[in-house]
Structures are given as C-alpha cells and as structure tokens.
Amino acid sequence: MKVSVDVYTKNLDAALSAFKLAIESGAVSVRLNSSEDYDTKKFEYVNLMFEADHTSVAIAKLDDGPFERDSSDL
C-alpha cells in the first residue's frame, strides 16, 4: 500500500540524506521545501514529502533521524 509522508526537521543534512534515500528507494512525488521566518527571513525548517510503499526503507529510516510530524514540534 502506498502512503504519503510529510515530515519536518531543522537538520538540513538529515533532510538531504532522507531526500536522496527516498528517490533511490523508488518513492514518487519527492519534494523538499524550506521555510523561513516571515519577518527575519531566517531559515526555520525544511519539509520533506513523498509517496512510497509502506514497507519502504525510506520511511523506516525516518525514525532514526530528527524528523517530526508537525513543524510546531521542532
């Protein structure tokens, strides 16, 4: 079964690694978006989104990294 992943982190290196793994493991619609504070224009977090089979290694590895389901939990 395909599932949608939507996670947040402040760790850019972890986000890039997860992005690469998602692509290499066959995920589709892989997106990595950054967000910055509206007033200060400083980096706040990145949002990683993709669709993959529920058994995908890319999904399993997210538990090993600094990812949250909600940006307010960062």
PDB file of N, CA and C in Angstrom:
ATOM      1  N   MET A   1       0.837  -1.167   0.000  1.00  0.00           N
ATOM      2  CA  MET A   1       0.000   0.000   0.000  1.00  0.00           C
ATOM      3  C   MET A   1       0.892   1.243   0.000  1.00  0.00           C
ATOM      4  N   LYS A   2       0.553   2.210  -0.847  1.00  0.00           N
ATOM      5  CA  LYS A   2       1.291   3.471  -0.884  1.00  0.00           C
ATOM      6  C   LYS A   2       0.796   4.392   0.225  1.00  0.00           C
ATOM      7  N   VAL A   3       1.746   5.090   0.839  1.00  0.00           N
ATOM      8  CA  VAL A   3       1.412   6.054   1.874  1.00  0.00           C
ATOM      9  C   VAL A   3       2.099   7.381   1.560  1.00  0.00           C
ATOM     10  N   SER A   4       1.546   8.439   2.085  1.00  0.00           N
ATOM     11  CA  SER A   4       2.134   9.767   1.932  1.00  0.00           C
ATOM     12  C   SER A   4       2.915  10.114   3.189  1.00  0.00           C
ATOM     13  N   VAL A   5       4.094  10.663   2.992  1.00  0.00           N
ATOM     14  CA  VAL A   5       4.965  11.074   4.090  1.00  0.00           C
ATOM     15  C   VAL A   5       5.061  12.591   4.063  1.00  0.00           C
ATOM     16  N   ASP A   6       4.972  13.198   5.232  1.00  0.00           N
ATOM     17  CA  ASP A   6       5.063  14.645   5.362  1.00  0.00           C
ATOM     18  C   ASP A   6       5.713  14.931   6.709  1.00  0.00           C
ATOM     19  N   VAL A   7       7.030  15.205   6.710  1.00  0.00           N
ATOM     20  CA  VAL A   7       7.770  15.404   7.953  1.00  0.00           C
ATOM     21  C   VAL A   7       8.583  16.691   7.902  1.00  0.00           C
ATOM     22  N   TYR A   8       9.030  17.140   9.068  1.00  0.00           N
ATOM     23  CA  TYR A   8       9.745  18.402   9.215  1.00  0.00           C
ATOM     24  C   TYR A   8      11.019  18.191  10.024  1.00  0.00           C
ATOM     25  N   THR A   9      12.031  18.992   9.731  1.00  0.00           N
ATOM     26  CA  THR A   9      13.263  18.975  10.510  1.00  0.00           C
ATOM     27  C   THR A   9      13.995  20.303  10.342  1.00  0.00           C
ATOM     28  N   LYS A  10      14.858  20.589  11.305  1.00  0.00           N
ATOM     29  CA  LYS A  10      15.755  21.744  11.191  1.00  0.00           C
ATOM     30  C   LYS A  10      17.129  21.302  10.713  1.00  0.00           C
ATOM     31  N   ASN A  11      17.350  19.990  10.643  1.00  0.00           N
ATOM     32  CA  ASN A  11      18.639  19.425  10.260  1.00  0.00           C
ATOM     33  C   ASN A  11      18.684  19.234   8.746  1.00  0.00           C
ATOM     34  N   LEU A  12      19.355  20.134   8.067  1.00  0.00           N
ATOM     35  CA  LEU A  12      19.401  20.110   6.610  1.00  0.00           C
ATOM     36  C   LEU A  12      20.127  18.874   6.081  1.00  0.00           C
ATOM     37  N   ASP A  13      21.200  18.458   6.740  1.00  0.00           N
ATOM     38  CA  ASP A  13      21.929  17.266   6.294  1.00  0.00           C
ATOM     39  C   ASP A  13      21.049  16.022   6.365  1.00  0.00           C
ATOM     40  N   ALA A  14      20.292  15.876   7.437  1.00  0.00           N
ATOM     41  CA  ALA A  14      19.387  14.732   7.572  1.00  0.00           C
ATOM     42  C   ALA A  14      18.295  14.781   6.513  1.00  0.00           C
ATOM     43  N   ALA A  15      17.798  15.961   6.232  1.00  0.00           N
ATOM     44  CA  ALA A  15      16.752  16.117   5.213  1.00  0.00           C
ATOM     45  C   ALA A  15      17.274  15.744   3.829  1.00  0.00           C
ATOM     46  N   LEU A  16      18.478  16.181   3.506  1.00  0.00           N
ATOM     47  CA  LEU A  16      19.055  15.849   2.203  1.00  0.00           C
ATOM     48  C   LEU A  16      19.315  14.353   2.070  1.00  0.00           C
ATOM     49  N   SER A  17      19.788  13.723   3.132  1.00  0.00           N
ATOM     50  CA  SER A  17      20.018  12.273   3.111  1.00  0.00           C
ATOM     51  C   SER A  17      18.709  11.521   2.927  1.00  0.00           C
ATOM     52  N   ALA A  18      17.662  11.951   3.630  1.00  0.00           N
ATOM     53  CA  ALA A  18      16.355  11.301   3.524  1.00  0.00           C
ATOM     54  C   ALA A  18      15.758  11.522   2.136  1.00  0.00           C
ATOM     55  N   PHE A  19      15.966  12.704   1.573  1.00  0.00           N
ATOM     56  CA  PHE A  19      15.509  13.011   0.219  1.00  0.00           C
ATOM     57  C   PHE A  19      16.163  12.062  -0.786  1.00  0.00           C
ATOM     58  N   LYS A  20      17.479  11.912  -0.678  1.00  0.00           N
ATOM     59  CA  LYS A  20      18.219  11.031  -1.577  1.00  0.00           C
ATOM     60  C   LYS A  20      17.757   9.583  -1.428  1.00  0.00           C
ATOM     61  N   LEU A  21      17.616   9.119  -0.196  1.00  0.00           N
ATOM     62  CA  LEU A  21      17.183   7.744   0.042  1.00  0.00           C
ATOM     63  C   LEU A  21      15.781   7.507  -0.510  1.00  0.00           C
ATOM     64  N   ALA A  22      14.903   8.472  -0.366  1.00  0.00           N
ATOM     65  CA  ALA A  22      13.542   8.336  -0.887  1.00  0.00           C
ATOM     66  C   ALA A  22      13.577   8.129  -2.406  1.00  0.00           C
ATOM     67  N   ILE A  23      14.354   8.931  -3.099  1.00  0.00           N
ATOM     68  CA  ILE A  23      14.458   8.804  -4.553  1.00  0.00           C
ATOM     69  C   ILE A  23      15.073   7.462  -4.932  1.00  0.00           C
ATOM     70  N   GLU A  24      16.154   7.097  -4.267  1.00  0.00           N
ATOM     71  CA  GLU A  24      16.847   5.846  -4.589  1.00  0.00           C
ATOM     72  C   GLU A  24      16.006   4.605  -4.287  1.00  0.00           C
ATOM     73  N   SER A  25      15.075   4.716  -3.350  1.00  0.00           N
ATOM     74  CA  SER A  25      14.275   3.550  -2.974  1.00  0.00           C
ATOM     75  C   SER A  25      12.931   3.486  -3.702  1.00  0.00           C
ATOM     76  N   GLY A  26      12.740   4.371  -4.680  1.00  0.00           N
ATOM     77  CA  GLY A  26      11.556   4.287  -5.519  1.00  0.00           C
ATOM     78  C   GLY A  26      10.365   5.132  -5.112  1.00  0.00           C
ATOM     79  N   ALA A  27      10.555   6.050  -4.185  1.00  0.00           N
ATOM     80  CA  ALA A  27       9.464   6.952  -3.812  1.00  0.00           C
ATOM     81  C   ALA A  27       9.125   7.858  -4.994  1.00  0.00           C
ATOM     82  N   VAL A  28       7.904   8.368  -5.005  1.00  0.00           N
ATOM     83  CA  VAL A  28       7.466   9.272  -6.063  1.00  0.00           C
ATOM     84  C   VAL A  28       6.994  10.588  -5.451  1.00  0.00           C
ATOM     85  N   SER A  29       6.905  11.593  -6.291  1.00  0.00           N
ATOM     86  CA  SER A  29       6.483  12.940  -5.860  1.00  0.00           C
ATOM     87  C   SER A  29       7.310  13.419  -4.670  1.00  0.00           C
ATOM     88  N   VAL A  30       8.616  13.231  -4.752  1.00  0.00           N
ATOM     89  CA  VAL A  30       9.519  13.606  -3.663  1.00  0.00           C
ATOM     90  C   VAL A  30       9.752  15.108  -3.710  1.00  0.00           C
ATOM     91  N   ARG A  31       9.518  15.771  -2.580  1.00  0.00           N
ATOM     92  CA  ARG A  31       9.659  17.229  -2.501  1.00  0.00           C
ATOM     93  C   ARG A  31      10.377  17.613  -1.208  1.00  0.00           C
ATOM     94  N   LEU A  32      11.200  18.630  -1.295  1.00  0.00           N
ATOM     95  CA  LEU A  32      11.887  19.176  -0.132  1.00  0.00           C
ATOM     96  C   LEU A  32      11.728  20.686  -0.190  1.00  0.00           C
ATOM     97  N   ASN A  33      11.010  21.240   0.762  1.00  0.00           N
ATOM     98  CA  ASN A  33      10.723  22.676   0.784  1.00  0.00           C
ATOM     99  C   ASN A  33      11.316  23.313   2.031  1.00  0.00           C
ATOM    100  N   SER A  34      11.833  24.504   1.881  1.00  0.00           N
ATOM    101  CA  SER A  34      12.348  25.227   3.041  1.00  0.00           C
ATOM    102  C   SER A  34      11.329  26.271   3.487  1.00  0.00           C
ATOM    103  N   SER A  35      11.443  26.621   4.748  1.00  0.00           N
ATOM    104  CA  SER A  35      10.569  27.653   5.297  1.00  0.00           C
ATOM    105  C   SER A  35      11.436  28.620   6.097  1.00  0.00           C
ATOM    106  N   GLU A  36      11.110  29.883   5.981  1.00  0.00           N
ATOM    107  CA  GLU A  36      11.839  30.890   6.742  1.00  0.00           C
ATOM    108  C   GLU A  36      10.864  31.805   7.475  1.00  0.00           C
ATOM    109  N   ASP A  37      11.358  32.438   8.509  1.00  0.00           N
ATOM    110  CA  ASP A  37      10.559  33.373   9.288  1.00  0.00           C
ATOM    111  C   ASP A  37      10.188  34.557   8.403  1.00  0.00           C
ATOM    112  N   TYR A  38       8.932  34.918   8.389  1.00  0.00           N
ATOM    113  CA  TYR A  38       8.442  35.986   7.514  1.00  0.00           C
ATOM    114  C   TYR A  38       9.133  37.315   7.815  1.00  0.00           C
ATOM    115  N   ASP A  39       9.309  37.645   9.083  1.00  0.00           N
ATOM    116  CA  ASP A  39       9.883  38.942   9.456  1.00  0.00           C
ATOM    117  C   ASP A  39      11.398  38.994   9.299  1.00  0.00           C
ATOM    118  N   THR A  40      12.087  37.970   9.806  1.00  0.00           N
ATOM    119  CA  THR A  40      13.556  37.999   9.813  1.00  0.00           C
ATOM    120  C   THR A  40      14.175  37.392   8.560  1.00  0.00           C
ATOM    121  N   LYS A  41      13.383  36.617   7.817  1.00  0.00           N
ATOM    122  CA  LYS A  41      13.864  35.913   6.616  1.00  0.00           C
ATOM    123  C   LYS A  41      14.924  34.856   6.949  1.00  0.00           C
ATOM    124  N   LYS A  42      14.999  34.440   8.222  1.00  0.00           N
ATOM    125  CA  LYS A  42      15.948  33.410   8.627  1.00  0.00           C
ATOM    126  C   LYS A  42      15.322  32.026   8.493  1.00  0.00           C
ATOM    127  N   PHE A  43      16.159  31.058   8.160  1.00  0.00           N
ATOM    128  CA  PHE A  43      15.749  29.673   7.996  1.00  0.00           C
ATOM    129  C   PHE A  43      15.066  29.156   9.275  1.00  0.00           C
ATOM    130  N   GLU A  44      13.934  28.443   9.089  1.00  0.00           N
ATOM    131  CA  GLU A  44      13.237  27.839  10.219  1.00  0.00           C
ATOM    132  C   GLU A  44      13.308  26.319  10.168  1.00  0.00           C
ATOM    133  N   TYR A  45      12.925  25.725   9.042  1.00  0.00           N
ATOM    134  CA  TYR A  45      12.914  24.271   8.916  1.00  0.00           C
ATOM    135  C   TYR A  45      12.737  23.877   7.456  1.00  0.00           C
ATOM    136  N   VAL A  46      12.900  22.570   7.199  1.00  0.00           N
ATOM    137  CA  VAL A  46      12.589  22.027   5.882  1.00  0.00           C
ATOM    138  C   VAL A  46      11.481  20.993   6.035  1.00  0.00           C
ATOM    139  N   ASN A  47      10.715  20.856   4.979  1.00  0.00           N
ATOM    140  CA  ASN A  47       9.585  19.931   4.929  1.00  0.00           C
ATOM    141  C   ASN A  47       9.861  18.916   3.825  1.00  0.00           C
ATOM    142  N   LEU A  48       9.922  17.635   4.195  1.00  0.00           N
ATOM    143  CA  LEU A  48      10.141  16.547   3.251  1.00  0.00           C
ATOM    144  C   LEU A  48       8.823  15.830   3.031  1.00  0.00           C
ATOM    145  N   MET A  49       8.453  15.670   1.759  1.00  0.00           N
ATOM    146  CA  MET A  49       7.204  14.986   1.414  1.00  0.00           C
ATOM    147  C   MET A  49       7.474  14.006   0.287  1.00  0.00           C
ATOM    148  N   PHE A  50       6.853  12.836   0.375  1.00  0.00           N
ATOM    149  CA  PHE A  50       6.934  11.874  -0.715  1.00  0.00           C
ATOM    150  C   PHE A  50       5.868  10.803  -0.530  1.00  0.00           C
ATOM    151  N   GLU A  51       5.681  10.007  -1.585  1.00  0.00           N
ATOM    152  CA  GLU A  51       4.780   8.870  -1.544  1.00  0.00           C
ATOM    153  C   GLU A  51       5.611   7.621  -1.790  1.00  0.00           C
ATOM    154  N   ALA A  52       5.369   6.584  -0.983  1.00  0.00           N
ATOM    155  CA  ALA A  52       6.132   5.346  -1.122  1.00  0.00           C
ATOM    156  C   ALA A  52       5.321   4.189  -0.570  1.00  0.00           C
ATOM    157  N   ASP A  53       5.756   2.986  -0.924  1.00  0.00           N
ATOM    158  CA  ASP A  53       5.148   1.791  -0.363  1.00  0.00           C
ATOM    159  C   ASP A  53       5.385   1.786   1.144  1.00  0.00           C
ATOM    160  N   HIS A  54       4.413   1.314   1.901  1.00  0.00           N
ATOM    161  CA  HIS A  54       4.518   1.357   3.361  1.00  0.00           C
ATOM    162  C   HIS A  54       5.697   0.541   3.900  1.00  0.00           C
ATOM    163  N   THR A  55       6.283  -0.337   3.095  1.00  0.00           N
ATOM    164  CA  THR A  55       7.444  -1.124   3.523  1.00  0.00           C
ATOM    165  C   THR A  55       8.769  -0.490   3.098  1.00  0.00           C
ATOM    166  N   SER A  56       8.736   0.695   2.531  1.00  0.00           N
ATOM    167  CA  SER A  56       9.930   1.364   2.013  1.00  0.00           C
ATOM    168  C   SER A  56      10.957   1.636   3.110  1.00  0.00           C
ATOM    169  N   VAL A  57      12.215   1.390   2.774  1.00  0.00           N
ATOM    170  CA  VAL A  57      13.310   1.690   3.693  1.00  0.00           C
ATOM    171  C   VAL A  57      13.377   3.191   3.985  1.00  0.00           C
ATOM    172  N   ALA A  58      12.974   4.020   3.020  1.00  0.00           N
ATOM    173  CA  ALA A  58      12.998   5.472   3.221  1.00  0.00           C
ATOM    174  C   ALA A  58      12.067   5.893   4.356  1.00  0.00           C
ATOM    175  N   ILE A  59      10.951   5.222   4.481  1.00  0.00           N
ATOM    176  CA  ILE A  59      10.022   5.527   5.572  1.00  0.00           C
ATOM    177  C   ILE A  59      10.576   5.013   6.895  1.00  0.00           C
ATOM    178  N   ALA A  60      11.099   3.814   6.882  1.00  0.00           N
ATOM    179  CA  ALA A  60      11.650   3.219   8.104  1.00  0.00           C
ATOM    180  C   ALA A  60      12.800   4.045   8.664  1.00  0.00           C
ATOM    181  N   LYS A  61      13.658   4.586   7.799  1.00  0.00           N
ATOM    182  CA  LYS A  61      14.817   5.360   8.246  1.00  0.00           C
ATOM    183  C   LYS A  61      14.431   6.707   8.864  1.00  0.00           C
ATOM    184  N   LEU A  62      13.237   7.199   8.598  1.00  0.00           N
ATOM    185  CA  LEU A  62      12.820   8.477   9.190  1.00  0.00           C
ATOM    186  C   LEU A  62      12.785   8.395  10.708  1.00  0.00           C
ATOM    187  N   ASP A  63      12.532   7.206  11.240  1.00  0.00           N
ATOM    188  CA  ASP A  63      12.510   7.033  12.699  1.00  0.00           C
ATOM    189  C   ASP A  63      13.893   7.212  13.312  1.00  0.00           C
ATOM    190  N   ASP A  64      14.949   7.053  12.510  1.00  0.00           N
ATOM    191  CA  ASP A  64      16.314   7.193  13.004  1.00  0.00           C
ATOM    192  C   ASP A  64      16.791   8.638  13.011  1.00  0.00           C
ATOM    193  N   GLY A  65      16.055   9.503  12.364  1.00  0.00           N
ATOM    194  CA  GLY A  65      16.516  10.880  12.204  1.00  0.00           C
ATOM    195  C   GLY A  65      15.713  11.881  13.014  1.00  0.00           C
ATOM    196  N   PRO A  66      16.103  13.131  12.902  1.00  0.00           N
ATOM    197  CA  PRO A  66      15.469  14.215  13.662  1.00  0.00           C
ATOM    198  C   PRO A  66      14.234  14.782  12.966  1.00  0.00           C
ATOM    199  N   PHE A  67      13.255  13.923  12.695  1.00  0.00           N
ATOM    200  CA  PHE A  67      12.065  14.358  11.971  1.00  0.00           C
ATOM    201  C   PHE A  67      10.844  14.391  12.874  1.00  0.00           C
ATOM    202  N   GLU A  68       9.966  15.343  12.619  1.00  0.00           N
ATOM    203  CA  GLU A  68       8.723  15.486  13.368  1.00  0.00           C
ATOM    204  C   GLU A  68       7.557  15.513  12.384  1.00  0.00           C
ATOM    205  N   ARG A  69       6.398  15.084  12.846  1.00  0.00           N
ATOM    206  CA  ARG A  69       5.187  15.106  12.004  1.00  0.00           C
ATOM    207  C   ARG A  69       4.575  16.485  11.902  1.00  0.00           C
ATOM    208  N   ASP A  70       4.905  17.356  12.850  1.00  0.00           N
ATOM    209  CA  ASP A  70       4.329  18.699  12.888  1.00  0.00           C
ATOM    210  C   ASP A  70       5.447  19.704  13.097  1.00  0.00           C
ATOM    211  N   SER A  71       5.475  20.762  12.315  1.00  0.00           N
ATOM    212  CA  SER A  71       6.544  21.758  12.424  1.00  0.00           C
ATOM    213  C   SER A  71       6.554  22.452  13.779  1.00  0.00           C
ATOM    214  N   SER A  72       5.453  22.506  14.458  1.00  0.00           N
ATOM    215  CA  SER A  72       5.421  23.155  15.781  1.00  0.00           C
ATOM    216  C   SER A  72       6.104  22.313  16.852  1.00  0.00           C
ATOM    217  N   ASP A  73       6.415  21.051  16.541  1.00  0.00           N
ATOM    218  CA  ASP A  73       7.112  20.183  17.492  1.00  0.00           C
ATOM    219  C   ASP A  73       8.633  20.293  17.391  1.00  0.00           C
ATOM    220  N   LEU A  74       9.117  21.124  16.480  1.00  0.00           N
ATOM    221  CA  LEU A  74      10.575  21.262  16.312  1.00  0.00           C
ATOM    222  C   LEU A  74      11.190  22.084  17.423  1.00  0.00           C
TER     223      LEU A  74
END
